[in-house]
Amino acid sequence: ELLLAFTNDWHHLYWSGFAVTSPAPTALVVFEHS
């Protein structure tokens, strides 16, 4: 699981994407789970 997470940029098998809830610095980052 750790290997998947740390290499996710190469395959996106762990997190399929990321979304930021607003333009503010305090915005939350939403992890899109595969």
Full PDB file with SEQRES, HELIX, SHEET, SSBOND, CRYST1, ORIGX, SCALE, CONECT and MASTER records, all heavy atoms in Angstrom:
SEQRES   1 A   34  GLU LEU LEU LEU ALA PHE THR ASN ASP TRP HIS HIS LEU          
SEQRES   2 A   34  TYR TRP SER GLY PHE ALA VAL THR SER PRO ALA PRO THR          
SEQRES   3 A   34  ALA LEU VAL VAL PHE GLU HIS SER                              
HELIX    1 AA1 LEU A    2  PHE A    6  1                                   5    
HELIX    2 AA2 ASN A    8  HIS A   11  1                                   4    
SHEET    1 AA1 2 TRP A  15  VAL A  20  0                                        
SHEET    2 AA1 2 VAL A  29  HIS A  33 -1                                        
CRYST1    1.000    1.000    1.000  90.00  90.00  90.00 P 1           1          
ORIGX1      1.000000  0.000000  0.000000        0.00000                         
ORIGX2      0.000000  1.000000  0.000000        0.00000                         
ORIGX3      0.000000  0.000000  1.000000        0.00000                         
SCALE1      1.000000  0.000000  0.000000        0.00000                         
SCALE2      0.000000  1.000000  0.000000        0.00000                         
SCALE3      0.000000  0.000000  1.000000        0.00000                         
ATOM      1  N   GLU A   1       0.836  -1.211   0.000  1.00  0.00           N  
ATOM      2  CA  GLU A   1       0.000   0.000   0.000  1.00  0.00           C  
ATOM      3  C   GLU A   1       0.867   1.257   0.000  1.00  0.00           C  
ATOM      4  O   GLU A   1       0.588   2.220  -0.728  1.00  0.00           O  
ATOM      5  CB  GLU A   1      -0.938   0.005   1.196  1.00  0.00           C  
ATOM      6  CG  GLU A   1      -1.875   1.195   1.209  1.00  0.00           C  
ATOM      7  CD  GLU A   1      -2.999   1.080   2.208  1.00  0.00           C  
ATOM      8  OE1 GLU A   1      -3.069   0.046   2.909  1.00  0.00           O  
ATOM      9  OE2 GLU A   1      -3.830   2.008   2.282  1.00  0.00           O  
ATOM     10  N   LEU A   2       1.924   1.255   0.798  1.00  0.00           N  
ATOM     11  CA  LEU A   2       2.826   2.405   0.820  1.00  0.00           C  
ATOM     12  C   LEU A   2       3.513   2.592  -0.528  1.00  0.00           C  
ATOM     13  O   LEU A   2       3.672   3.729  -1.003  1.00  0.00           O  
ATOM     14  CB  LEU A   2       3.877   2.235   1.918  1.00  0.00           C  
ATOM     15  CG  LEU A   2       3.391   2.406   3.348  1.00  0.00           C  
ATOM     16  CD1 LEU A   2       4.512   2.111   4.332  1.00  0.00           C  
ATOM     17  CD2 LEU A   2       2.849   3.819   3.573  1.00  0.00           C  
ATOM     18  N   LEU A   3       3.911   1.497  -1.149  1.00  0.00           N  
ATOM     19  CA  LEU A   3       4.546   1.582  -2.462  1.00  0.00           C  
ATOM     20  C   LEU A   3       3.598   2.207  -3.478  1.00  0.00           C  
ATOM     21  O   LEU A   3       3.994   3.069  -4.270  1.00  0.00           O  
ATOM     22  CB  LEU A   3       4.969   0.181  -2.918  1.00  0.00           C  
ATOM     23  CG  LEU A   3       5.659   0.099  -4.284  1.00  0.00           C  
ATOM     24  CD1 LEU A   3       6.978   0.864  -4.260  1.00  0.00           C  
ATOM     25  CD2 LEU A   3       5.891  -1.356  -4.684  1.00  0.00           C  
ATOM     26  N   LEU A   4       2.333   1.788  -3.440  1.00  0.00           N  
ATOM     27  CA  LEU A   4       1.339   2.368  -4.338  1.00  0.00           C  
ATOM     28  C   LEU A   4       1.183   3.870  -4.106  1.00  0.00           C  
ATOM     29  O   LEU A   4       1.106   4.660  -5.054  1.00  0.00           O  
ATOM     30  CB  LEU A   4      -0.015   1.676  -4.150  1.00  0.00           C  
ATOM     31  CG  LEU A   4      -0.183   0.283  -4.738  1.00  0.00           C  
ATOM     32  CD1 LEU A   4      -1.560  -0.268  -4.363  1.00  0.00           C  
ATOM     33  CD2 LEU A   4      -0.024   0.300  -6.259  1.00  0.00           C  
ATOM     34  N   ALA A   5       1.130   4.257  -2.837  1.00  0.00           N  
ATOM     35  CA  ALA A   5       0.910   5.666  -2.512  1.00  0.00           C  
ATOM     36  C   ALA A   5       2.086   6.534  -2.954  1.00  0.00           C  
ATOM     37  O   ALA A   5       1.893   7.598  -3.555  1.00  0.00           O  
ATOM     38  CB  ALA A   5       0.659   5.820  -1.012  1.00  0.00           C  
ATOM     39  N   PHE A   6       3.304   6.082  -2.654  1.00  0.00           N  
ATOM     40  CA  PHE A   6       4.467   6.906  -2.956  1.00  0.00           C  
ATOM     41  C   PHE A   6       4.812   6.927  -4.443  1.00  0.00           C  
ATOM     42  O   PHE A   6       5.549   7.804  -4.886  1.00  0.00           O  
ATOM     43  CB  PHE A   6       5.666   6.439  -2.128  1.00  0.00           C  
ATOM     44  CG  PHE A   6       5.686   7.002  -0.738  1.00  0.00           C  
ATOM     45  CD1 PHE A   6       5.052   6.334   0.305  1.00  0.00           C  
ATOM     46  CD2 PHE A   6       6.309   8.205  -0.455  1.00  0.00           C  
ATOM     47  CE1 PHE A   6       5.043   6.851   1.590  1.00  0.00           C  
ATOM     48  CE2 PHE A   6       6.316   8.734   0.836  1.00  0.00           C  
ATOM     49  CZ  PHE A   6       5.677   8.056   1.853  1.00  0.00           C  
ATOM     50  N   THR A   7       4.312   5.975  -5.205  1.00  0.00           N  
ATOM     51  CA  THR A   7       4.553   5.959  -6.662  1.00  0.00           C  
ATOM     52  C   THR A   7       3.288   6.301  -7.428  1.00  0.00           C  
ATOM     53  O   THR A   7       3.210   6.052  -8.629  1.00  0.00           O  
ATOM     54  CB  THR A   7       5.078   4.576  -7.103  1.00  0.00           C  
ATOM     55  OG1 THR A   7       4.084   3.567  -6.790  1.00  0.00           O  
ATOM     56  CG2 THR A   7       6.383   4.237  -6.402  1.00  0.00           C  
ATOM     57  N   ASN A   8       2.312   6.874  -6.749  1.00  0.00           N  
ATOM     58  CA  ASN A   8       1.003   7.115  -7.368  1.00  0.00           C  
ATOM     59  C   ASN A   8       1.087   8.012  -8.597  1.00  0.00           C  
ATOM     60  O   ASN A   8       0.297   7.862  -9.532  1.00  0.00           O  
ATOM     61  CB  ASN A   8       0.052   7.736  -6.343  1.00  0.00           C  
ATOM     62  CG  ASN A   8      -1.363   7.815  -6.849  1.00  0.00           C  
ATOM     63  OD1 ASN A   8      -2.074   6.822  -6.938  1.00  0.00           O  
ATOM     64  ND2 ASN A   8      -1.807   9.026  -7.217  1.00  0.00           N  
ATOM     65  N   ASP A   9       2.035   8.951  -8.608  1.00  0.00           N  
ATOM     66  CA  ASP A   9       2.158   9.856  -9.752  1.00  0.00           C  
ATOM     67  C   ASP A   9       2.445   9.109 -11.047  1.00  0.00           C  
ATOM     68  O   ASP A   9       2.176   9.626 -12.138  1.00  0.00           O  
ATOM     69  CB  ASP A   9       3.278  10.874  -9.503  1.00  0.00           C  
ATOM     70  CG  ASP A   9       2.910  11.867  -8.408  1.00  0.00           C  
ATOM     71  OD1 ASP A   9       1.709  11.954  -8.075  1.00  0.00           O  
ATOM     72  OD2 ASP A   9       3.816  12.549  -7.889  1.00  0.00           O  
ATOM     73  N   TRP A  10       2.986   7.909 -10.942  1.00  0.00           N  
ATOM     74  CA  TRP A  10       3.336   7.140 -12.130  1.00  0.00           C  
ATOM     75  C   TRP A  10       2.182   6.310 -12.670  1.00  0.00           C  
ATOM     76  O   TRP A  10       2.167   5.976 -13.858  1.00  0.00           O  
ATOM     77  CB  TRP A  10       4.524   6.210 -11.835  1.00  0.00           C  
ATOM     78  CG  TRP A  10       5.759   6.933 -11.393  1.00  0.00           C  
ATOM     79  CD1 TRP A  10       6.022   8.272 -11.533  1.00  0.00           C  
ATOM     80  CD2 TRP A  10       6.893   6.371 -10.728  1.00  0.00           C  
ATOM     81  NE1 TRP A  10       7.248   8.581 -10.994  1.00  0.00           N  
ATOM     82  CE2 TRP A  10       7.810   7.435 -10.497  1.00  0.00           C  
ATOM     83  CE3 TRP A  10       7.225   5.089 -10.308  1.00  0.00           C  
ATOM     84  CZ2 TRP A  10       9.029   7.244  -9.870  1.00  0.00           C  
ATOM     85  CZ3 TRP A  10       8.444   4.904  -9.678  1.00  0.00           C  
ATOM     86  CH2 TRP A  10       9.340   5.960  -9.465  1.00  0.00           C  
ATOM     87  N   HIS A  11       1.240   5.923 -11.797  1.00  0.00           N  
ATOM     88  CA  HIS A  11       0.203   4.982 -12.250  1.00  0.00           C  
ATOM     89  C   HIS A  11      -1.221   5.350 -11.843  1.00  0.00           C  
ATOM     90  O   HIS A  11      -2.171   4.871 -12.447  1.00  0.00           O  
ATOM     91  CB  HIS A  11       0.512   3.579 -11.705  1.00  0.00           C  
ATOM     92  CG  HIS A  11       0.840   3.556 -10.244  1.00  0.00           C  
ATOM     93  ND1 HIS A  11      -0.101   3.821  -9.262  1.00  0.00           N  
ATOM     94  CD2 HIS A  11       2.008   3.308  -9.585  1.00  0.00           C  
ATOM     95  CE1 HIS A  11       0.471   3.724  -8.072  1.00  0.00           C  
ATOM     96  NE2 HIS A  11       1.745   3.421  -8.219  1.00  0.00           N  
ATOM     97  N   HIS A  12      -1.372   6.174 -10.805  1.00  0.00           N  
ATOM     98  CA  HIS A  12      -2.695   6.601 -10.319  1.00  0.00           C  
ATOM     99  C   HIS A  12      -3.585   5.417  -9.940  1.00  0.00           C  
ATOM    100  O   HIS A  12      -4.809   5.494 -10.074  1.00  0.00           O  
ATOM    101  CB  HIS A  12      -3.403   7.471 -11.361  1.00  0.00           C  
ATOM    102  CG  HIS A  12      -2.598   8.675 -11.763  1.00  0.00           C  
ATOM    103  ND1 HIS A  12      -2.409   9.757 -10.929  1.00  0.00           N  
ATOM    104  CD2 HIS A  12      -1.906   8.939 -12.914  1.00  0.00           C  
ATOM    105  CE1 HIS A  12      -1.651  10.653 -11.544  1.00  0.00           C  
ATOM    106  NE2 HIS A  12      -1.332  10.181 -12.733  1.00  0.00           N  
ATOM    107  N   LEU A  13      -2.973   4.364  -9.453  1.00  0.00           N  
ATOM    108  CA  LEU A  13      -3.742   3.189  -9.026  1.00  0.00           C  
ATOM    109  C   LEU A  13      -4.235   3.307  -7.590  1.00  0.00           C  
ATOM    110  O   LEU A  13      -5.125   2.557  -7.170  1.00  0.00           O  
ATOM    111  CB  LEU A  13      -2.885   1.922  -9.165  1.00  0.00           C  
ATOM    112  CG  LEU A  13      -2.519   1.502 -10.587  1.00  0.00           C  
ATOM    113  CD1 LEU A  13      -1.561   0.310 -10.558  1.00  0.00           C  
ATOM    114  CD2 LEU A  13      -3.774   1.151 -11.367  1.00  0.00           C  
ATOM    115  N   TYR A  14      -3.656   4.239  -6.839  1.00  0.00           N  
ATOM    116  CA  TYR A  14      -4.048   4.394  -5.430  1.00  0.00           C  
ATOM    117  C   TYR A  14      -5.010   5.573  -5.275  1.00  0.00           C  
ATOM    118  O   TYR A  14      -6.102   5.419  -4.749  1.00  0.00           O  
ATOM    119  CB  TYR A  14      -2.805   4.583  -4.569  1.00  0.00           C  
ATOM    120  CG  TYR A  14      -3.081   4.472  -3.091  1.00  0.00           C  
ATOM    121  CD1 TYR A  14      -3.382   3.239  -2.513  1.00  0.00           C  
ATOM    122  CD2 TYR A  14      -3.038   5.591  -2.258  1.00  0.00           C  
ATOM    123  CE1 TYR A  14      -3.643   3.127  -1.154  1.00  0.00           C  
ATOM    124  CE2 TYR A  14      -3.295   5.490  -0.901  1.00  0.00           C  
ATOM    125  CZ  TYR A  14      -3.596   4.252  -0.354  1.00  0.00           C  
ATOM    126  OH  TYR A  14      -3.860   4.146   0.988  1.00  0.00           O  
ATOM    127  N   TRP A  15      -4.560   6.735  -5.703  1.00  0.00           N  
ATOM    128  CA  TRP A  15      -5.444   7.900  -5.793  1.00  0.00           C  
ATOM    129  C   TRP A  15      -5.628   8.227  -7.266  1.00  0.00           C  
ATOM    130  O   TRP A  15      -4.659   8.448  -7.987  1.00  0.00           O  
ATOM    131  CB  TRP A  15      -4.849   9.109  -5.077  1.00  0.00           C  
ATOM    132  CG  TRP A  15      -4.741   8.962  -3.591  1.00  0.00           C  
ATOM    133  CD1 TRP A  15      -5.750   8.682  -2.714  1.00  0.00           C  
ATOM    134  CD2 TRP A  15      -3.554   9.096  -2.791  1.00  0.00           C  
ATOM    135  NE1 TRP A  15      -5.278   8.627  -1.430  1.00  0.00           N  
ATOM    136  CE2 TRP A  15      -3.932   8.880  -1.445  1.00  0.00           C  
ATOM    137  CE3 TRP A  15      -2.219   9.382  -3.080  1.00  0.00           C  
ATOM    138  CZ2 TRP A  15      -3.022   8.935  -0.394  1.00  0.00           C  
ATOM    139  CZ3 TRP A  15      -1.315   9.427  -2.046  1.00  0.00           C  
ATOM    140  CH2 TRP A  15      -1.717   9.213  -0.718  1.00  0.00           C  
ATOM    141  N   SER A  16      -6.855   8.262  -7.712  1.00  0.00           N  
ATOM    142  CA  SER A  16      -7.108   8.544  -9.128  1.00  0.00           C  
ATOM    143  C   SER A  16      -6.998  10.024  -9.445  1.00  0.00           C  
ATOM    144  O   SER A  16      -6.906  10.410 -10.612  1.00  0.00           O  
ATOM    145  CB  SER A  16      -8.490   8.030  -9.532  1.00  0.00           C  
ATOM    146  OG  SER A  16      -9.500   8.570  -8.693  1.00  0.00           O  
ATOM    147  N   GLY A  17      -7.016  10.873  -8.430  1.00  0.00           N  
ATOM    148  CA  GLY A  17      -6.878  12.309  -8.637  1.00  0.00           C  
ATOM    149  C   GLY A  17      -7.028  13.064  -7.332  1.00  0.00           C  
ATOM    150  O   GLY A  17      -7.255  12.471  -6.269  1.00  0.00           O  
ATOM    151  N   PHE A  18      -6.865  14.384  -7.426  1.00  0.00           N  
ATOM    152  CA  PHE A  18      -6.985  15.251  -6.263  1.00  0.00           C  
ATOM    153  C   PHE A  18      -7.841  16.455  -6.655  1.00  0.00           C  
ATOM    154  O   PHE A  18      -7.804  16.903  -7.797  1.00  0.00           O  
ATOM    155  CB  PHE A  18      -5.615  15.747  -5.788  1.00  0.00           C  
ATOM    156  CG  PHE A  18      -4.599  14.655  -5.605  1.00  0.00           C  
ATOM    157  CD1 PHE A  18      -3.704  14.334  -6.614  1.00  0.00           C  
ATOM    158  CD2 PHE A  18      -4.550  13.940  -4.421  1.00  0.00           C  
ATOM    159  CE1 PHE A  18      -2.769  13.331  -6.450  1.00  0.00           C  
ATOM    160  CE2 PHE A  18      -3.625  12.928  -4.245  1.00  0.00           C  
ATOM    161  CZ  PHE A  18      -2.732  12.621  -5.260  1.00  0.00           C  
ATOM    162  N   ALA A  19      -8.579  16.967  -5.697  1.00  0.00           N  
ATOM    163  CA  ALA A  19      -9.392  18.156  -5.931  1.00  0.00           C  
ATOM    164  C   ALA A  19      -9.254  19.082  -4.731  1.00  0.00           C  
ATOM    165  O   ALA A  19      -9.180  18.618  -3.589  1.00  0.00           O  
ATOM    166  CB  ALA A  19     -10.854  17.778  -6.148  1.00  0.00           C  
ATOM    167  N   VAL A  20      -9.207  20.381  -4.998  1.00  0.00           N  
ATOM    168  CA  VAL A  20      -9.120  21.391  -3.943  1.00  0.00           C  
ATOM    169  C   VAL A  20     -10.477  22.058  -3.833  1.00  0.00           C  
ATOM    170  O   VAL A  20     -11.075  22.449  -4.840  1.00  0.00           O  
ATOM    171  CB  VAL A  20      -8.024  22.428  -4.256  1.00  0.00           C  
ATOM    172  CG1 VAL A  20      -7.921  23.455  -3.140  1.00  0.00           C  
ATOM    173  CG2 VAL A  20      -6.685  21.733  -4.460  1.00  0.00           C  
ATOM    174  N   THR A  21     -10.985  22.180  -2.610  1.00  0.00           N  
ATOM    175  CA  THR A  21     -12.365  22.621  -2.419  1.00  0.00           C  
ATOM    176  C   THR A  21     -12.591  24.104  -2.685  1.00  0.00           C  
ATOM    177  O   THR A  21     -13.732  24.520  -2.902  1.00  0.00           O  
ATOM    178  CB  THR A  21     -12.830  22.297  -0.984  1.00  0.00           C  
ATOM    179  OG1 THR A  21     -11.924  22.908  -0.045  1.00  0.00           O  
ATOM    180  CG2 THR A  21     -12.867  20.788  -0.757  1.00  0.00           C  
ATOM    181  N   SER A  22     -11.512  24.911  -2.673  1.00  0.00           N  
ATOM    182  CA  SER A  22     -11.660  26.342  -2.958  1.00  0.00           C  
ATOM    183  C   SER A  22     -10.284  26.919  -3.278  1.00  0.00           C  
ATOM    184  O   SER A  22      -9.265  26.256  -3.065  1.00  0.00           O  
ATOM    185  CB  SER A  22     -12.280  27.068  -1.758  1.00  0.00           C  
ATOM    186  OG  SER A  22     -11.311  27.302  -0.755  1.00  0.00           O  
ATOM    187  N   PRO A  23     -10.224  28.158  -3.790  1.00  0.00           N  
ATOM    188  CA  PRO A  23      -8.918  28.774  -4.081  1.00  0.00           C  
ATOM    189  C   PRO A  23      -8.188  29.254  -2.822  1.00  0.00           C  
ATOM    190  O   PRO A  23      -7.039  29.677  -2.910  1.00  0.00           O  
ATOM    191  CB  PRO A  23      -9.285  29.976  -4.973  1.00  0.00           C  
ATOM    192  CG  PRO A  23     -10.703  29.771  -5.384  1.00  0.00           C  
ATOM    193  CD  PRO A  23     -11.339  28.977  -4.289  1.00  0.00           C  
ATOM    194  N   ALA A  24      -8.820  29.201  -1.668  1.00  0.00           N  
ATOM    195  CA  ALA A  24      -8.217  29.738  -0.448  1.00  0.00           C  
ATOM    196  C   ALA A  24      -7.084  28.845   0.060  1.00  0.00           C  
ATOM    197  O   ALA A  24      -7.094  27.630  -0.163  1.00  0.00           O  
ATOM    198  CB  ALA A  24      -9.283  29.873   0.639  1.00  0.00           C  
ATOM    199  N   PRO A  25      -6.109  29.435   0.761  1.00  0.00           N  
ATOM    200  CA  PRO A  25      -5.022  28.626   1.339  1.00  0.00           C  
ATOM    201  C   PRO A  25      -5.524  27.585   2.329  1.00  0.00           C  
ATOM    202  O   PRO A  25      -4.884  26.555   2.528  1.00  0.00           O  
ATOM    203  CB  PRO A  25      -4.139  29.665   2.037  1.00  0.00           C  
ATOM    204  CG  PRO A  25      -4.464  30.962   1.391  1.00  0.00           C  
ATOM    205  CD  PRO A  25      -5.910  30.881   1.008  1.00  0.00           C  
ATOM    206  N   THR A  26      -6.665  27.869   2.962  1.00  0.00           N  
ATOM    207  CA  THR A  26      -7.231  26.952   3.947  1.00  0.00           C  
ATOM    208  C   THR A  26      -8.089  25.858   3.316  1.00  0.00           C  
ATOM    209  O   THR A  26      -8.696  25.055   4.038  1.00  0.00           O  
ATOM    210  CB  THR A  26      -8.096  27.737   4.950  1.00  0.00           C  
ATOM    211  OG1 THR A  26      -9.088  28.478   4.224  1.00  0.00           O  
ATOM    212  CG2 THR A  26      -7.243  28.699   5.762  1.00  0.00           C  
ATOM    213  N   ALA A  27      -8.142  25.808   1.998  1.00  0.00           N  
ATOM    214  CA  ALA A  27      -8.989  24.828   1.316  1.00  0.00           C  
ATOM    215  C   ALA A  27      -8.561  23.401   1.664  1.00  0.00           C  
ATOM    216  O   ALA A  27      -7.395  23.134   1.959  1.00  0.00           O  
ATOM    217  CB  ALA A  27      -8.920  25.037  -0.193  1.00  0.00           C  
ATOM    218  N   LEU A  28      -9.527  22.507   1.613  1.00  0.00           N  
ATOM    219  CA  LEU A  28      -9.248  21.088   1.842  1.00  0.00           C  
ATOM    220  C   LEU A  28      -8.856  20.431   0.534  1.00  0.00           C  
ATOM    221  O   LEU A  28      -9.330  20.817  -0.545  1.00  0.00           O  
ATOM    222  CB  LEU A  28     -10.478  20.395   2.421  1.00  0.00           C  
ATOM    223  CG  LEU A  28     -10.972  20.903   3.775  1.00  0.00           C  
ATOM    224  CD1 LEU A  28     -12.276  20.212   4.148  1.00  0.00           C  
ATOM    225  CD2 LEU A  28      -9.925  20.676   4.855  1.00  0.00           C  
ATOM    226  N   VAL A  29      -7.995  19.448   0.631  1.00  0.00           N  
ATOM    227  CA  VAL A  29      -7.625  18.641  -0.533  1.00  0.00           C  
ATOM    228  C   VAL A  29      -8.410  17.333  -0.459  1.00  0.00           C  
ATOM    229  O   VAL A  29      -8.306  16.599   0.527  1.00  0.00           O  
ATOM    230  CB  VAL A  29      -6.108  18.359  -0.566  1.00  0.00           C  
ATOM    231  CG1 VAL A  29      -5.761  17.457  -1.750  1.00  0.00           C  
ATOM    232  CG2 VAL A  29      -5.330  19.667  -0.639  1.00  0.00           C  
ATOM    233  N   VAL A  30      -9.205  17.075  -1.470  1.00  0.00           N  
ATOM    234  CA  VAL A  30     -10.009  15.864  -1.520  1.00  0.00           C  
ATOM    235  C   VAL A  30      -9.270  14.824  -2.359  1.00  0.00           C  
ATOM    236  O   VAL A  30      -8.940  15.072  -3.521  1.00  0.00           O  
ATOM    237  CB  VAL A  30     -11.396  16.141  -2.126  1.00  0.00           C  
ATOM    238  CG1 VAL A  30     -12.222  14.860  -2.193  1.00  0.00           C  
ATOM    239  CG2 VAL A  30     -12.132  17.200  -1.300  1.00  0.00           C  
ATOM    240  N   PHE A  31      -9.010  13.666  -1.765  1.00  0.00           N  
ATOM    241  CA  PHE A  31      -8.336  12.574  -2.459  1.00  0.00           C  
ATOM    242  C   PHE A  31      -9.391  11.686  -3.113  1.00  0.00           C  
ATOM    243  O   PHE A  31     -10.309  11.218  -2.445  1.00  0.00           O  
ATOM    244  CB  PHE A  31      -7.489  11.751  -1.478  1.00  0.00           C  
ATOM    245  CG  PHE A  31      -6.298  12.484  -0.952  1.00  0.00           C  
ATOM    246  CD1 PHE A  31      -6.432  13.410   0.080  1.00  0.00           C  
ATOM    247  CD2 PHE A  31      -5.045  12.252  -1.469  1.00  0.00           C  
ATOM    248  CE1 PHE A  31      -5.335  14.100   0.570  1.00  0.00           C  
ATOM    249  CE2 PHE A  31      -3.934  12.921  -0.986  1.00  0.00           C  
ATOM    250  CZ  PHE A  31      -4.079  13.854   0.034  1.00  0.00           C  
ATOM    251  N   GLU A  32      -9.252  11.488  -4.407  1.00  0.00           N  
ATOM    252  CA  GLU A  32     -10.180  10.624  -5.139  1.00  0.00           C  
ATOM    253  C   GLU A  32      -9.627   9.202  -5.117  1.00  0.00           C  
ATOM    254  O   GLU A  32      -8.592   8.917  -5.708  1.00  0.00           O  
ATOM    255  CB  GLU A  32     -10.350  11.135  -6.568  1.00  0.00           C  
ATOM    256  CG  GLU A  32     -10.925  12.560  -6.614  1.00  0.00           C  
ATOM    257  CD  GLU A  32     -10.876  13.147  -8.010  1.00  0.00           C  
ATOM    258  OE1 GLU A  32     -10.439  12.434  -8.952  1.00  0.00           O  
ATOM    259  OE2 GLU A  32     -11.273  14.322  -8.167  1.00  0.00           O  
ATOM    260  N   HIS A  33     -10.320   8.336  -4.396  1.00  0.00           N  
ATOM    261  CA  HIS A  33      -9.808   6.987  -4.159  1.00  0.00           C  
ATOM    262  C   HIS A  33     -10.179   6.032  -5.279  1.00  0.00           C  
ATOM    263  O   HIS A  33     -11.309   6.030  -5.767  1.00  0.00           O  
ATOM    264  CB  HIS A  33     -10.359   6.453  -2.836  1.00  0.00           C  
ATOM    265  CG  HIS A  33      -9.960   7.287  -1.660  1.00  0.00           C  
ATOM    266  ND1 HIS A  33     -10.769   8.276  -1.141  1.00  0.00           N  
ATOM    267  CD2 HIS A  33      -8.832   7.297  -0.910  1.00  0.00           C  
ATOM    268  CE1 HIS A  33     -10.158   8.845  -0.119  1.00  0.00           C  
ATOM    269  NE2 HIS A  33      -8.989   8.281   0.044  1.00  0.00           N  
ATOM    270  N   SER A  34      -9.210   5.211  -5.650  1.00  0.00           N  
ATOM    271  CA  SER A  34      -9.425   4.197  -6.683  1.00  0.00           C  
ATOM    272  C   SER A  34     -10.074   2.962  -6.077  1.00  0.00           C  
ATOM    273  O   SER A  34     -10.190   2.824  -4.860  1.00  0.00           O  
ATOM    274  CB  SER A  34      -8.088   3.817  -7.318  1.00  0.00           C  
ATOM    275  OG  SER A  34      -7.277   3.144  -6.359  1.00  0.00           O  
TER     276      SER A  34                                                      
MASTER        0    0    0    2    2    0    0    6  275    1    0    3          
END                                                                             
